[in-house]
Amino acid sequence: MTTRIVDVAHTAAAHHTPAGPHQDLDAARQAVATGLDVDDAAELIHGDRLRLGDAAGNRPWLHTAVCRVQRMNRALGCSPGPETE
């Protein structure tokens, strides 16, 4: 169930983040928050969070997201995947 929720949250965030007619950063933000509530170690959602911060032009929020991903990877003893990097 967790994987399905993360997948749907990712799909919603990916749909609403890019510039264009479907861009809705509030909806993308809600999708990211839901995904992280369900699985705070889901790298897929962390990648969405990074793209969302970039799309919103919110540098402080983006910096916080990068730091969170780095802390998570250190705690798990792994490196981020190529897309997250």
Protein backbone atom coordinates (compact mmCIF):
# COMPACT_ATOMS: atom_id res chain seq x y z
CA MET A 1 0.00 0.00 0.00
CA THR A 2 2.82 2.40 0.87
CA THR A 3 4.41 1.93 -2.54
CA ARG A 4 1.15 2.68 -4.31
CA ILE A 5 0.59 5.87 -2.33
CA VAL A 6 4.16 7.01 -3.05
CA ASP A 7 3.68 6.23 -6.75
CA VAL A 8 0.43 8.23 -6.93
CA ALA A 9 2.00 11.13 -5.00
CA HIS A 10 4.94 11.11 -7.42
CA THR A 11 2.64 11.04 -10.44
CA ALA A 12 0.62 13.98 -9.09
CA ALA A 13 3.74 16.00 -8.23
CA ALA A 14 5.32 15.26 -11.61
CA HIS A 15 2.13 16.31 -13.39
CA HIS A 16 1.68 19.59 -11.51
CA THR A 17 5.30 20.82 -11.21
CA PRO A 18 6.48 21.61 -14.77
CA ALA A 19 5.65 24.99 -16.26
CA GLY A 20 2.65 24.84 -18.54
CA PRO A 21 -1.11 24.51 -18.44
CA HIS A 22 -1.12 21.84 -15.72
CA GLN A 23 1.24 23.64 -13.35
CA ASP A 24 -0.27 23.85 -9.89
CA LEU A 25 2.51 24.17 -7.33
CA ASP A 26 0.08 23.98 -4.40
CA ALA A 27 -1.21 20.62 -5.65
CA ALA A 28 2.37 19.43 -6.24
CA ARG A 29 3.33 20.57 -2.73
CA GLN A 30 0.40 18.62 -1.26
CA ALA A 31 1.36 15.51 -3.24
CA VAL A 32 4.96 15.74 -2.00
CA ALA A 33 3.79 16.23 1.60
CA THR A 34 1.49 13.21 1.35
CA GLY A 35 4.25 11.05 -0.13
CA LEU A 36 6.70 12.05 2.60
CA ASP A 37 4.08 11.47 5.31
CA VAL A 38 3.69 7.91 4.07
CA ASP A 39 7.41 7.21 3.45
CA ASP A 40 9.88 9.88 4.50
CA ALA A 41 12.73 7.91 2.89
CA ALA A 42 11.15 7.69 -0.60
CA GLU A 43 13.88 9.06 -2.85
CA LEU A 44 11.37 9.44 -5.66
CA ILE A 45 9.38 11.94 -3.58
CA HIS A 46 12.52 13.73 -2.44
CA GLY A 47 13.39 14.22 -6.11
CA ASP A 48 9.92 15.67 -6.65
CA ARG A 49 10.50 17.99 -3.69
CA LEU A 50 13.74 19.23 -5.26
CA ARG A 51 12.06 19.88 -8.62
CA LEU A 52 9.18 21.63 -6.87
CA GLY A 53 11.52 23.95 -4.97
CA ASP A 54 13.29 24.78 -8.21
CA ALA A 55 10.03 25.40 -10.09
CA ALA A 56 8.79 27.67 -7.30
CA GLY A 57 12.07 29.58 -7.26
CA ASN A 58 12.17 29.09 -3.52
CA ARG A 59 15.91 28.87 -2.80
CA PRO A 60 15.63 28.50 1.01
CA TRP A 61 13.07 25.70 0.64
CA LEU A 62 15.25 24.04 -2.01
CA HIS A 63 18.31 24.27 0.26
CA THR A 64 16.33 22.62 3.08
CA ALA A 65 15.23 19.85 0.72
CA VAL A 66 18.83 19.20 -0.42
CA CYS A 67 20.04 19.04 3.20
CA ARG A 68 17.25 16.60 4.07
CA VAL A 69 18.18 14.30 1.18
CA GLN A 70 21.85 14.41 2.19
CA ARG A 71 21.01 13.58 5.84
CA MET A 72 18.74 10.75 4.76
CA ASN A 73 21.40 9.24 2.50
CA ARG A 74 24.05 9.49 5.22
CA ALA A 75 21.71 7.80 7.71
CA LEU A 76 20.97 5.02 5.22
CA GLY A 77 24.62 4.73 4.18
CA CYS A 78 23.91 5.19 0.50
CA SER A 79 24.32 7.68 -2.29
CA PRO A 80 21.44 9.39 -4.06
CA GLY A 81 20.36 7.95 -7.37
CA PRO A 82 21.47 9.70 -10.58
CA GLU A 83 18.17 11.54 -11.05
CA THR A 84 18.23 12.92 -7.51
CA GLU A 85 21.87 13.87 -7.79
